[in-house]
Amino acid sequence: MLSDIVSRLKGSCPALKFVGGAADYKVIDNQKPPLSKLPAAYVIPLAERADRNSYASGAVSQRVHSFVGVLLVVTGAASDPRGEGASFAIEAVRAQVRAALLGWTPDATKYDPFTVTLGDIVDLDGQALWWQETFETAYTLRG
């Protein structure tokens, strides 16, 4: 599913100069991202939460809620200490990401359409604004 999300963002979000996954994010973790690759998005698995088994005994049928983070990074500027320029830039990128993912599913036979559950600032420094959009889908686990 994660690679499908990366492909979807690459094809649907022209504002993004780079789209990668968790491994790509790990490479820049604790470093400053190259300005030539901003705005950027990193698709990161966050968590899964399963509902109780709907059968009394024997078989298993559970709804599993899957949460995926899209970590967005836009250019900040040292001369913009309040982050106003970066906050305008993040809004444009967020709009494209939401348009690409809200209501979309990588596989309608398995997953529910994506909804957004949370958006939150992660960091703001002189170089970049980091924002995480959290999306949720669900699927049924049977056994």
C-alpha atoms as a PDB file:
ATOM      1  CA  MET A   1       0.000   0.000   0.000  1.00  0.00           C
ATOM      2  CA  LEU A   2       2.785   2.479   0.867  1.00  0.00           C
ATOM      3  CA  SER A   3       4.419   2.266  -2.550  1.00  0.00           C
ATOM      4  CA  ASP A   4       0.991   2.889  -4.113  1.00  0.00           C
ATOM      5  CA  ILE A   5       0.665   6.069  -2.043  1.00  0.00           C
ATOM      6  CA  VAL A   6       4.133   7.229  -3.117  1.00  0.00           C
ATOM      7  CA  SER A   7       3.218   6.631  -6.771  1.00  0.00           C
ATOM      8  CA  ARG A   8      -0.094   8.443  -6.352  1.00  0.00           C
ATOM      9  CA  LEU A   9       1.586  11.507  -4.827  1.00  0.00           C
ATOM     10  CA  LYS A  10       4.283  11.553  -7.518  1.00  0.00           C
ATOM     11  CA  GLY A  11       1.635  11.561 -10.226  1.00  0.00           C
ATOM     12  CA  SER A  12      -0.870  13.906  -8.576  1.00  0.00           C
ATOM     13  CA  CYS A  13       1.135  16.566  -6.734  1.00  0.00           C
ATOM     14  CA  PRO A  14       3.167  18.722  -9.131  1.00  0.00           C
ATOM     15  CA  ALA A  15       4.293  21.016  -6.299  1.00  0.00           C
ATOM     16  CA  LEU A  16       6.355  18.188  -4.768  1.00  0.00           C
ATOM     17  CA  LYS A  17       9.945  17.959  -5.980  1.00  0.00           C
ATOM     18  CA  PHE A  18      10.560  14.703  -4.091  1.00  0.00           C
ATOM     19  CA  VAL A  19       8.327  11.912  -2.807  1.00  0.00           C
ATOM     20  CA  GLY A  20       9.785   8.986  -0.883  1.00  0.00           C
ATOM     21  CA  GLY A  21       9.150   6.493   1.842  1.00  0.00           C
ATOM     22  CA  ALA A  22      10.318   5.800   5.367  1.00  0.00           C
ATOM     23  CA  ALA A  23      13.778   4.692   4.231  1.00  0.00           C
ATOM     24  CA  ASP A  24      14.274   7.976   2.381  1.00  0.00           C
ATOM     25  CA  TYR A  25      13.176   9.892   5.471  1.00  0.00           C
ATOM     26  CA  LYS A  26      15.609   7.955   7.667  1.00  0.00           C
ATOM     27  CA  VAL A  27      18.460   9.128   5.426  1.00  0.00           C
ATOM     28  CA  ILE A  28      17.673  12.791   6.169  1.00  0.00           C
ATOM     29  CA  ASP A  29      16.548  12.277   9.784  1.00  0.00           C
ATOM     30  CA  ASN A  30      18.528  14.628  12.049  1.00  0.00           C
ATOM     31  CA  GLN A  31      19.927  16.400   8.989  1.00  0.00           C
ATOM     32  CA  LYS A  32      18.756  19.326   6.968  1.00  0.00           C
ATOM     33  CA  PRO A  33      16.958  18.253   3.771  1.00  0.00           C
ATOM     34  CA  PRO A  34      18.546  19.514   0.550  1.00  0.00           C
ATOM     35  CA  LEU A  35      16.751  22.683  -0.520  1.00  0.00           C
ATOM     36  CA  SER A  36      16.773  21.463  -4.122  1.00  0.00           C
ATOM     37  CA  LYS A  37      14.388  18.646  -3.080  1.00  0.00           C
ATOM     38  CA  LEU A  38      11.811  20.846  -1.355  1.00  0.00           C
ATOM     39  CA  PRO A  39       8.878  20.715  -1.141  1.00  0.00           C
ATOM     40  CA  ALA A  40       9.089  17.018  -0.315  1.00  0.00           C
ATOM     41  CA  ALA A  41       6.820  14.303   1.060  1.00  0.00           C
ATOM     42  CA  TYR A  42       7.711  11.140   2.951  1.00  0.00           C
ATOM     43  CA  VAL A  43       5.110   8.372   3.296  1.00  0.00           C
ATOM     44  CA  ILE A  44       5.510   6.654   6.662  1.00  0.00           C
ATOM     45  CA  PRO A  45       3.513   3.822   8.255  1.00  0.00           C
ATOM     46  CA  LEU A  46       2.343   4.996  11.667  1.00  0.00           C
ATOM     47  CA  ALA A  47       0.104   2.424  13.357  1.00  0.00           C
ATOM     48  CA  GLU A  48      -2.644  -0.108  13.045  1.00  0.00           C
ATOM     49  CA  ARG A  49      -5.499  -0.645  15.462  1.00  0.00           C
ATOM     50  CA  ALA A  50      -7.743  -3.694  15.283  1.00  0.00           C
ATOM     51  CA  ASP A  51     -11.352  -3.870  16.446  1.00  0.00           C
ATOM     52  CA  ARG A  52     -12.446  -6.882  18.456  1.00  0.00           C
ATOM     53  CA  ASN A  53     -13.093 -10.146  16.673  1.00  0.00           C
ATOM     54  CA  SER A  54     -16.688 -10.142  15.445  1.00  0.00           C
ATOM     55  CA  TYR A  55     -17.025 -13.936  15.802  1.00  0.00           C
ATOM     56  CA  ALA A  56     -17.632 -15.634  19.161  1.00  0.00           C
ATOM     57  CA  SER A  57     -15.169 -18.474  18.646  1.00  0.00           C
ATOM     58  CA  GLY A  58     -13.089 -20.243  16.062  1.00  0.00           C
ATOM     59  CA  ALA A  59     -12.952 -17.972  13.032  1.00  0.00           C
ATOM     60  CA  VAL A  60     -11.584 -14.441  13.014  1.00  0.00           C
ATOM     61  CA  SER A  61     -13.036 -11.336  11.387  1.00  0.00           C
ATOM     62  CA  GLN A  62     -11.587  -8.007  12.504  1.00  0.00           C
ATOM     63  CA  ARG A  63     -11.609  -4.501  11.086  1.00  0.00           C
ATOM     64  CA  VAL A  64      -8.108  -3.124  11.111  1.00  0.00           C
ATOM     65  CA  HIS A  65      -7.635   0.655  10.987  1.00  0.00           C
ATOM     66  CA  SER A  66      -4.359   1.569   9.320  1.00  0.00           C
ATOM     67  CA  PHE A  67      -2.786   5.005   9.827  1.00  0.00           C
ATOM     68  CA  VAL A  68      -0.282   6.442   7.361  1.00  0.00           C
ATOM     69  CA  GLY A  69       1.671   9.657   7.807  1.00  0.00           C
ATOM     70  CA  VAL A  70       2.618  11.924   4.944  1.00  0.00           C
ATOM     71  CA  LEU A  71       5.421  14.070   6.306  1.00  0.00           C
ATOM     72  CA  LEU A  72       5.620  17.271   4.271  1.00  0.00           C
ATOM     73  CA  VAL A  73       8.651  19.543   4.191  1.00  0.00           C
ATOM     74  CA  VAL A  74       8.649  23.019   2.648  1.00  0.00           C
ATOM     75  CA  THR A  75      11.305  25.678   2.495  1.00  0.00           C
ATOM     76  CA  GLY A  76      11.538  28.100   5.367  1.00  0.00           C
ATOM     77  CA  ALA A  77      13.764  31.135   5.392  1.00  0.00           C
ATOM     78  CA  ALA A  78      16.144  32.425   8.012  1.00  0.00           C
ATOM     79  CA  SER A  79      14.829  35.917   7.231  1.00  0.00           C
ATOM     80  CA  ASP A  80      11.269  34.733   8.021  1.00  0.00           C
ATOM     81  CA  PRO A  81      11.503  33.905  11.749  1.00  0.00           C
ATOM     82  CA  ARG A  82       7.721  33.701  12.210  1.00  0.00           C
ATOM     83  CA  GLY A  83       7.426  31.155   9.388  1.00  0.00           C
ATOM     84  CA  GLU A  84       4.754  33.070   7.490  1.00  0.00           C
ATOM     85  CA  GLY A  85       6.125  32.236   4.019  1.00  0.00           C
ATOM     86  CA  ALA A  86       6.523  28.582   4.944  1.00  0.00           C
ATOM     87  CA  SER A  87       2.990  28.414   6.310  1.00  0.00           C
ATOM     88  CA  PHE A  88       1.595  29.700   2.984  1.00  0.00           C
ATOM     89  CA  ALA A  89       3.743  27.162   1.116  1.00  0.00           C
ATOM     90  CA  ILE A  90       2.603  24.255   3.304  1.00  0.00           C
ATOM     91  CA  GLU A  91      -1.065  25.085   2.692  1.00  0.00           C
ATOM     92  CA  ALA A  92      -0.608  24.761  -1.079  1.00  0.00           C
ATOM     93  CA  VAL A  93       1.201  21.434  -0.735  1.00  0.00           C
ATOM     94  CA  ARG A  94      -1.335  20.100   1.797  1.00  0.00           C
ATOM     95  CA  ALA A  95      -4.167  20.946  -0.599  1.00  0.00           C
ATOM     96  CA  GLN A  96      -2.557  18.894  -3.378  1.00  0.00           C
ATOM     97  CA  VAL A  97      -1.835  15.945  -1.073  1.00  0.00           C
ATOM     98  CA  ARG A  98      -5.372  15.940   0.305  1.00  0.00           C
ATOM     99  CA  ALA A  99      -6.847  16.166  -3.195  1.00  0.00           C
ATOM    100  CA  ALA A 100      -4.741  13.159  -4.212  1.00  0.00           C
ATOM    101  CA  LEU A 101      -5.526  10.931  -1.220  1.00  0.00           C
ATOM    102  CA  LEU A 102      -8.930  11.820   0.264  1.00  0.00           C
ATOM    103  CA  GLY A 103     -11.468   9.267  -0.924  1.00  0.00           C
ATOM    104  CA  TRP A 104      -8.828   7.304  -2.856  1.00  0.00           C
ATOM    105  CA  THR A 105      -7.868   3.704  -2.202  1.00  0.00           C
ATOM    106  CA  PRO A 106      -4.935   1.735  -3.629  1.00  0.00           C
ATOM    107  CA  ASP A 107      -7.163  -1.363  -3.878  1.00  0.00           C
ATOM    108  CA  ALA A 108     -10.925  -0.995  -3.503  1.00  0.00           C
ATOM    109  CA  THR A 109     -11.304  -4.753  -3.047  1.00  0.00           C
ATOM    110  CA  LYS A 110      -9.240  -4.598   0.145  1.00  0.00           C
ATOM    111  CA  TYR A 111      -9.100  -1.077   1.593  1.00  0.00           C
ATOM    112  CA  ASP A 112     -11.649   1.596   2.491  1.00  0.00           C
ATOM    113  CA  PRO A 113     -11.097   5.047   0.947  1.00  0.00           C
ATOM    114  CA  PHE A 114      -8.627   7.266   2.774  1.00  0.00           C
ATOM    115  CA  THR A 115      -9.814   9.905   5.223  1.00  0.00           C
ATOM    116  CA  VAL A 116      -7.679  12.488   7.008  1.00  0.00           C
ATOM    117  CA  THR A 117      -7.522  12.168  10.783  1.00  0.00           C
ATOM    118  CA  LEU A 118      -4.924  14.708  11.891  1.00  0.00           C
ATOM    119  CA  GLY A 119      -2.595  17.414  10.667  1.00  0.00           C
ATOM    120  CA  ASP A 120       0.144  18.723  12.913  1.00  0.00           C
ATOM    121  CA  ILE A 121       3.334  20.771  12.791  1.00  0.00           C
ATOM    122  CA  VAL A 122       6.404  18.680  13.505  1.00  0.00           C
ATOM    123  CA  ASP A 123       9.159  21.297  13.356  1.00  0.00           C
ATOM    124  CA  LEU A 124       9.948  24.791  12.112  1.00  0.00           C
ATOM    125  CA  ASP A 125      13.436  26.129  11.788  1.00  0.00           C
ATOM    126  CA  GLY A 126      15.162  28.664   9.583  1.00  0.00           C
ATOM    127  CA  GLN A 127      15.418  26.192   6.728  1.00  0.00           C
ATOM    128  CA  ALA A 128      12.191  24.203   6.670  1.00  0.00           C
ATOM    129  CA  LEU A 129       8.688  23.669   7.994  1.00  0.00           C
ATOM    130  CA  TRP A 130       7.806  20.027   8.718  1.00  0.00           C
ATOM    131  CA  TRP A 131       4.114  19.087   8.763  1.00  0.00           C
ATOM    132  CA  GLN A 132       2.533  15.660   9.120  1.00  0.00           C
ATOM    133  CA  GLU A 133      -0.818  14.750   7.600  1.00  0.00           C
ATOM    134  CA  THR A 134      -2.233  11.520   9.018  1.00  0.00           C
ATOM    135  CA  PHE A 135      -4.531   9.468   6.806  1.00  0.00           C
ATOM    136  CA  GLU A 136      -6.630   6.469   7.790  1.00  0.00           C
ATOM    137  CA  THR A 137      -7.968   3.493   5.884  1.00  0.00           C
ATOM    138  CA  ALA A 138      -9.377   0.188   7.093  1.00  0.00           C
ATOM    139  CA  TYR A 139      -9.528  -3.400   5.921  1.00  0.00           C
ATOM    140  CA  THR A 140     -10.972  -6.668   7.189  1.00  0.00           C
ATOM    141  CA  LEU A 141      -8.660  -9.346   8.519  1.00  0.00           C
ATOM    142  CA  ARG A 142     -10.055 -12.869   8.314  1.00  0.00           C
ATOM    143  CA  GLY A 143      -8.644 -16.088   9.587  1.00  0.00           C
END
